[in-house]
Amino acid sequence: MNLIYSVKVSTTEFFRLLGSIGIALAYVGTIIIGAQITLSLVVVTAATTNSLCKLSRTSY
């Protein structure tokens, strides 16, 4: 009876550990995806700002 109880406790702790690892991996994946989107926005904003500055200096 005591052996069965100890197996159940360790299994529960094992699945808690797996859940924590899964949450950590999801968090890291979200950061990676967010970084790609942010980098794209920075590049597009810089390119747009640069082209608008060149247009404002041009005389027609």
PDB file of N, CA and C in Angstrom:
ATOM      1  N   MET A   1       0.823  -1.190   0.000  1.00  0.00           N
ATOM      2  CA  MET A   1       0.000   0.000   0.000  1.00  0.00           C
ATOM      3  C   MET A   1       0.870   1.258   0.000  1.00  0.00           C
ATOM      4  N   ASN A   2       1.914   1.252   0.813  1.00  0.00           N
ATOM      5  CA  ASN A   2       2.805   2.395   0.872  1.00  0.00           C
ATOM      6  C   ASN A   2       3.564   2.569  -0.441  1.00  0.00           C
ATOM      7  N   LEU A   3       3.921   1.468  -1.098  1.00  0.00           N
ATOM      8  CA  LEU A   3       4.619   1.522  -2.377  1.00  0.00           C
ATOM      9  C   LEU A   3       3.734   2.162  -3.446  1.00  0.00           C
ATOM     10  N   ILE A   4       2.472   1.785  -3.474  1.00  0.00           N
ATOM     11  CA  ILE A   4       1.538   2.364  -4.448  1.00  0.00           C
ATOM     12  C   ILE A   4       1.389   3.860  -4.205  1.00  0.00           C
ATOM     13  N   TYR A   5       1.322   4.272  -2.953  1.00  0.00           N
ATOM     14  CA  TYR A   5       1.198   5.694  -2.635  1.00  0.00           C
ATOM     15  C   TYR A   5       2.431   6.460  -3.108  1.00  0.00           C
ATOM     16  N   SER A   6       3.620   5.914  -2.888  1.00  0.00           N
ATOM     17  CA  SER A   6       4.840   6.613  -3.296  1.00  0.00           C
ATOM     18  C   SER A   6       4.952   6.700  -4.812  1.00  0.00           C
ATOM     19  N   VAL A   7       4.490   5.688  -5.529  1.00  0.00           N
ATOM     20  CA  VAL A   7       4.495   5.737  -6.992  1.00  0.00           C
ATOM     21  C   VAL A   7       3.537   6.811  -7.481  1.00  0.00           C
ATOM     22  N   LYS A   8       2.371   6.912  -6.866  1.00  0.00           N
ATOM     23  CA  LYS A   8       1.409   7.939  -7.270  1.00  0.00           C
ATOM     24  C   LYS A   8       1.958   9.336  -7.014  1.00  0.00           C
ATOM     25  N   VAL A   9       2.615   9.538  -5.913  1.00  0.00           N
ATOM     26  CA  VAL A   9       3.167  10.853  -5.595  1.00  0.00           C
ATOM     27  C   VAL A   9       4.256  11.230  -6.588  1.00  0.00           C
ATOM     28  N   SER A  10       5.161  10.313  -6.901  1.00  0.00           N
ATOM     29  CA  SER A  10       6.237  10.642  -7.825  1.00  0.00           C
ATOM     30  C   SER A  10       5.703  10.885  -9.234  1.00  0.00           C
ATOM     31  N   THR A  11       4.662  10.155  -9.639  1.00  0.00           N
ATOM     32  CA  THR A  11       4.073  10.382 -10.956  1.00  0.00           C
ATOM     33  C   THR A  11       3.449  11.769 -11.025  1.00  0.00           C
ATOM     34  N   THR A  12       2.769  12.170  -9.970  1.00  0.00           N
ATOM     35  CA  THR A  12       2.165  13.499  -9.948  1.00  0.00           C
ATOM     36  C   THR A  12       3.244  14.572 -10.038  1.00  0.00           C
ATOM     37  N   GLU A  13       4.312  14.412  -9.279  1.00  0.00           N
ATOM     38  CA  GLU A  13       5.402  15.383  -9.345  1.00  0.00           C
ATOM     39  C   GLU A  13       6.052  15.377 -10.723  1.00  0.00           C
ATOM     40  N   PHE A  14       6.144  14.215 -11.353  1.00  0.00           N
ATOM     41  CA  PHE A  14       6.724  14.124 -12.693  1.00  0.00           C
ATOM     42  C   PHE A  14       5.882  14.905 -13.695  1.00  0.00           C
ATOM     43  N   PHE A  15       4.557  14.734 -13.617  1.00  0.00           N
ATOM     44  CA  PHE A  15       3.703  15.452 -14.553  1.00  0.00           C
ATOM     45  C   PHE A  15       3.672  16.945 -14.257  1.00  0.00           C
ATOM     46  N   ARG A  16       3.828  17.313 -13.006  1.00  0.00           N
ATOM     47  CA  ARG A  16       3.949  18.740 -12.690  1.00  0.00           C
ATOM     48  C   ARG A  16       5.210  19.313 -13.317  1.00  0.00           C
ATOM     49  N   LEU A  17       6.287  18.550 -13.242  1.00  0.00           N
ATOM     50  CA  LEU A  17       7.544  18.986 -13.849  1.00  0.00           C
ATOM     51  C   LEU A  17       7.391  19.116 -15.362  1.00  0.00           C
ATOM     52  N   LEU A  18       6.737  18.137 -15.981  1.00  0.00           N
ATOM     53  CA  LEU A  18       6.504  18.229 -17.427  1.00  0.00           C
ATOM     54  C   LEU A  18       5.645  19.436 -17.773  1.00  0.00           C
ATOM     55  N   GLY A  19       4.648  19.711 -16.954  1.00  0.00           N
ATOM     56  CA  GLY A  19       3.810  20.886 -17.187  1.00  0.00           C
ATOM     57  C   GLY A  19       4.605  22.171 -17.081  1.00  0.00           C
ATOM     58  N   SER A  20       5.481  22.240 -16.103  1.00  0.00           N
ATOM     59  CA  SER A  20       6.320  23.433 -15.945  1.00  0.00           C
ATOM     60  C   SER A  20       7.265  23.603 -17.130  1.00  0.00           C
ATOM     61  N   ILE A  21       7.829  22.500 -17.592  1.00  0.00           N
ATOM     62  CA  ILE A  21       8.715  22.561 -18.760  1.00  0.00           C
ATOM     63  C   ILE A  21       7.929  23.000 -19.994  1.00  0.00           C
ATOM     64  N   GLY A  22       6.713  22.492 -20.151  1.00  0.00           N
ATOM     65  CA  GLY A  22       5.879  22.883 -21.289  1.00  0.00           C
ATOM     66  C   GLY A  22       5.539  24.358 -21.264  1.00  0.00           C
ATOM     67  N   ILE A  23       5.221  24.879 -20.090  1.00  0.00           N
ATOM     68  CA  ILE A  23       4.913  26.307 -19.973  1.00  0.00           C
ATOM     69  C   ILE A  23       6.149  27.143 -20.291  1.00  0.00           C
ATOM     70  N   ALA A  24       7.306  26.709 -19.818  1.00  0.00           N
ATOM     71  CA  ALA A  24       8.546  27.437 -20.100  1.00  0.00           C
ATOM     72  C   ALA A  24       8.856  27.434 -21.593  1.00  0.00           C
ATOM     73  N   LEU A  25       8.663  26.298 -22.259  1.00  0.00           N
ATOM     74  CA  LEU A  25       8.909  26.236 -23.706  1.00  0.00           C
ATOM     75  C   LEU A  25       7.922  27.106 -24.478  1.00  0.00           C
ATOM     76  N   ALA A  26       6.676  27.133 -24.046  1.00  0.00           N
ATOM     77  CA  ALA A  26       5.689  27.998 -24.698  1.00  0.00           C
ATOM     78  C   ALA A  26       6.065  29.463 -24.527  1.00  0.00           C
ATOM     79  N   TYR A  27       6.567  29.814 -23.361  1.00  0.00           N
ATOM     80  CA  TYR A  27       6.988  31.184 -23.097  1.00  0.00           C
ATOM     81  C   TYR A  27       8.163  31.569 -23.992  1.00  0.00           C
ATOM     82  N   VAL A  28       9.132  30.679 -24.113  1.00  0.00           N
ATOM     83  CA  VAL A  28      10.297  30.944 -24.968  1.00  0.00           C
ATOM     84  C   VAL A  28       9.868  31.068 -26.429  1.00  0.00           C
ATOM     85  N   GLY A  29       8.960  30.197 -26.867  1.00  0.00           N
ATOM     86  CA  GLY A  29       8.463  30.283 -28.240  1.00  0.00           C
ATOM     87  C   GLY A  29       7.752  31.590 -28.510  1.00  0.00           C
ATOM     88  N   THR A  30       6.978  32.055 -27.538  1.00  0.00           N
ATOM     89  CA  THR A  30       6.281  33.333 -27.684  1.00  0.00           C
ATOM     90  C   THR A  30       7.272  34.481 -27.788  1.00  0.00           C
ATOM     91  N   ILE A  31       8.329  34.430 -27.001  1.00  0.00           N
ATOM     92  CA  ILE A  31       9.350  35.484 -27.059  1.00  0.00           C
ATOM     93  C   ILE A  31      10.038  35.492 -28.419  1.00  0.00           C
ATOM     94  N   ILE A  32      10.332  34.308 -28.956  1.00  0.00           N
ATOM     95  CA  ILE A  32      11.005  34.230 -30.260  1.00  0.00           C
ATOM     96  C   ILE A  32      10.101  34.787 -31.356  1.00  0.00           C
ATOM     97  N   ILE A  33       8.831  34.409 -31.348  1.00  0.00           N
ATOM     98  CA  ILE A  33       7.897  34.912 -32.361  1.00  0.00           C
ATOM     99  C   ILE A  33       7.710  36.417 -32.204  1.00  0.00           C
ATOM    100  N   GLY A  34       7.589  36.880 -30.972  1.00  0.00           N
ATOM    101  CA  GLY A  34       7.438  38.313 -30.732  1.00  0.00           C
ATOM    102  C   GLY A  34       8.653  39.099 -31.184  1.00  0.00           C
ATOM    103  N   ALA A  35       9.837  38.537 -31.002  1.00  0.00           N
ATOM    104  CA  ALA A  35      11.057  39.222 -31.430  1.00  0.00           C
ATOM    105  C   ALA A  35      11.105  39.351 -32.952  1.00  0.00           C
ATOM    106  N   GLN A  36      10.666  38.324 -33.658  1.00  0.00           N
ATOM    107  CA  GLN A  36      10.657  38.395 -35.123  1.00  0.00           C
ATOM    108  C   GLN A  36       9.691  39.472 -35.608  1.00  0.00           C
ATOM    109  N   ILE A  37       8.521  39.537 -35.005  1.00  0.00           N
ATOM    110  CA  ILE A  37       7.537  40.546 -35.405  1.00  0.00           C
ATOM    111  C   ILE A  37       8.057  41.942 -35.087  1.00  0.00           C
ATOM    112  N   THR A  38       8.650  42.106 -33.909  1.00  0.00           N
ATOM    113  CA  THR A  38       9.177  43.415 -33.515  1.00  0.00           C
ATOM    114  C   THR A  38      10.305  43.847 -34.435  1.00  0.00           C
ATOM    115  N   LEU A  39      11.194  42.930 -34.774  1.00  0.00           N
ATOM    116  CA  LEU A  39      12.299  43.268 -35.667  1.00  0.00           C
ATOM    117  C   LEU A  39      11.779  43.686 -37.039  1.00  0.00           C
ATOM    118  N   SER A  40      10.767  42.987 -37.540  1.00  0.00           N
ATOM    119  CA  SER A  40      10.177  43.353 -38.830  1.00  0.00           C
ATOM    120  C   SER A  40       9.568  44.746 -38.770  1.00  0.00           C
ATOM    121  N   LEU A  41       8.868  45.046 -37.685  1.00  0.00           N
ATOM    122  CA  LEU A  41       8.263  46.372 -37.549  1.00  0.00           C
ATOM    123  C   LEU A  41       9.317  47.470 -37.476  1.00  0.00           C
ATOM    124  N   VAL A  42      10.416  47.201 -36.798  1.00  0.00           N
ATOM    125  CA  VAL A  42      11.484  48.195 -36.700  1.00  0.00           C
ATOM    126  C   VAL A  42      12.095  48.453 -38.069  1.00  0.00           C
ATOM    127  N   VAL A  43      12.331  47.410 -38.836  1.00  0.00           N
ATOM    128  CA  VAL A  43      12.930  47.572 -40.168  1.00  0.00           C
ATOM    129  C   VAL A  43      11.986  48.339 -41.087  1.00  0.00           C
ATOM    130  N   VAL A  44      10.708  47.987 -41.078  1.00  0.00           N
ATOM    131  CA  VAL A  44       9.741  48.676 -41.941  1.00  0.00           C
ATOM    132  C   VAL A  44       9.595  50.131 -41.523  1.00  0.00           C
ATOM    133  N   THR A  45       9.551  50.397 -40.228  1.00  0.00           N
ATOM    134  CA  THR A  45       9.426  51.776 -39.747  1.00  0.00           C
ATOM    135  C   THR A  45      10.649  52.597 -40.127  1.00  0.00           C
ATOM    136  N   ALA A  46      11.832  52.021 -39.983  1.00  0.00           N
ATOM    137  CA  ALA A  46      13.053  52.745 -40.338  1.00  0.00           C
ATOM    138  C   ALA A  46      13.097  53.034 -41.834  1.00  0.00           C
ATOM    139  N   ALA A  47      12.712  52.068 -42.646  1.00  0.00           N
ATOM    140  CA  ALA A  47      12.730  52.271 -44.097  1.00  0.00           C
ATOM    141  C   ALA A  47      11.700  53.317 -44.508  1.00  0.00           C
ATOM    142  N   THR A  48      10.521  53.273 -43.907  1.00  0.00           N
ATOM    143  CA  THR A  48       9.476  54.241 -44.237  1.00  0.00           C
ATOM    144  C   THR A  48       9.884  55.641 -43.809  1.00  0.00           C
ATOM    145  N   THR A  49      10.437  55.760 -42.617  1.00  0.00           N
ATOM    146  CA  THR A  49      10.869  57.069 -42.125  1.00  0.00           C
ATOM    147  C   THR A  49      11.976  57.628 -42.999  1.00  0.00           C
ATOM    148  N   ASN A  50      12.904  56.785 -43.403  1.00  0.00           N
ATOM    149  CA  ASN A  50      14.009  57.227 -44.248  1.00  0.00           C
ATOM    150  C   ASN A  50      13.494  57.712 -45.600  1.00  0.00           C
ATOM    151  N   SER A  51      12.558  56.980 -46.193  1.00  0.00           N
ATOM    152  CA  SER A  51      12.051  57.394 -47.499  1.00  0.00           C
ATOM    153  C   SER A  51      11.204  58.655 -47.384  1.00  0.00           C
ATOM    154  N   LEU A  52      10.472  58.823 -46.292  1.00  0.00           N
ATOM    155  CA  LEU A  52       9.676  60.039 -46.113  1.00  0.00           C
ATOM    156  C   LEU A  52      10.566  61.252 -45.896  1.00  0.00           C
ATOM    157  N   CYS A  53      11.687  61.076 -45.198  1.00  0.00           N
ATOM    158  CA  CYS A  53      12.617  62.184 -45.000  1.00  0.00           C
ATOM    159  C   CYS A  53      13.245  62.602 -46.323  1.00  0.00           C
ATOM    160  N   LYS A  54      13.557  61.633 -47.177  1.00  0.00           N
ATOM    161  CA  LYS A  54      14.129  61.957 -48.482  1.00  0.00           C
ATOM    162  C   LYS A  54      13.108  62.682 -49.345  1.00  0.00           C
ATOM    163  N   LEU A  55      11.832  62.279 -49.262  1.00  0.00           N
ATOM    164  CA  LEU A  55      10.791  62.944 -50.040  1.00  0.00           C
ATOM    165  C   LEU A  55      10.570  64.373 -49.572  1.00  0.00           C
ATOM    166  N   SER A  56      10.668  64.625 -48.294  1.00  0.00           N
ATOM    167  CA  SER A  56      10.420  65.971 -47.784  1.00  0.00           C
ATOM    168  C   SER A  56      11.553  66.926 -48.155  1.00  0.00           C
ATOM    169  N   ARG A  57      12.746  66.411 -48.399  1.00  0.00           N
ATOM    170  CA  ARG A  57      13.876  67.262 -48.786  1.00  0.00           C
ATOM    171  C   ARG A  57      13.913  67.542 -50.285  1.00  0.00           C
ATOM    172  N   THR A  58      13.178  66.771 -51.056  1.00  0.00           N
ATOM    173  CA  THR A  58      13.206  66.919 -52.508  1.00  0.00           C
ATOM    174  C   THR A  58      12.381  68.134 -52.917  1.00  0.00           C
ATOM    175  N   SER A  59      12.925  68.949 -53.798  1.00  0.00           N
ATOM    176  CA  SER A  59      12.169  70.110 -54.292  1.00  0.00           C
ATOM    177  C   SER A  59      11.532  69.746 -55.625  1.00  0.00           C
ATOM    178  N   TYR A  60      10.315  70.154 -55.777  1.00  0.00           N
ATOM    179  CA  TYR A  60       9.582  69.841 -57.008  1.00  0.00           C
ATOM    180  C   TYR A  60       9.598  71.006 -57.944  1.00  0.00           C
TER     181      TYR A  60
END
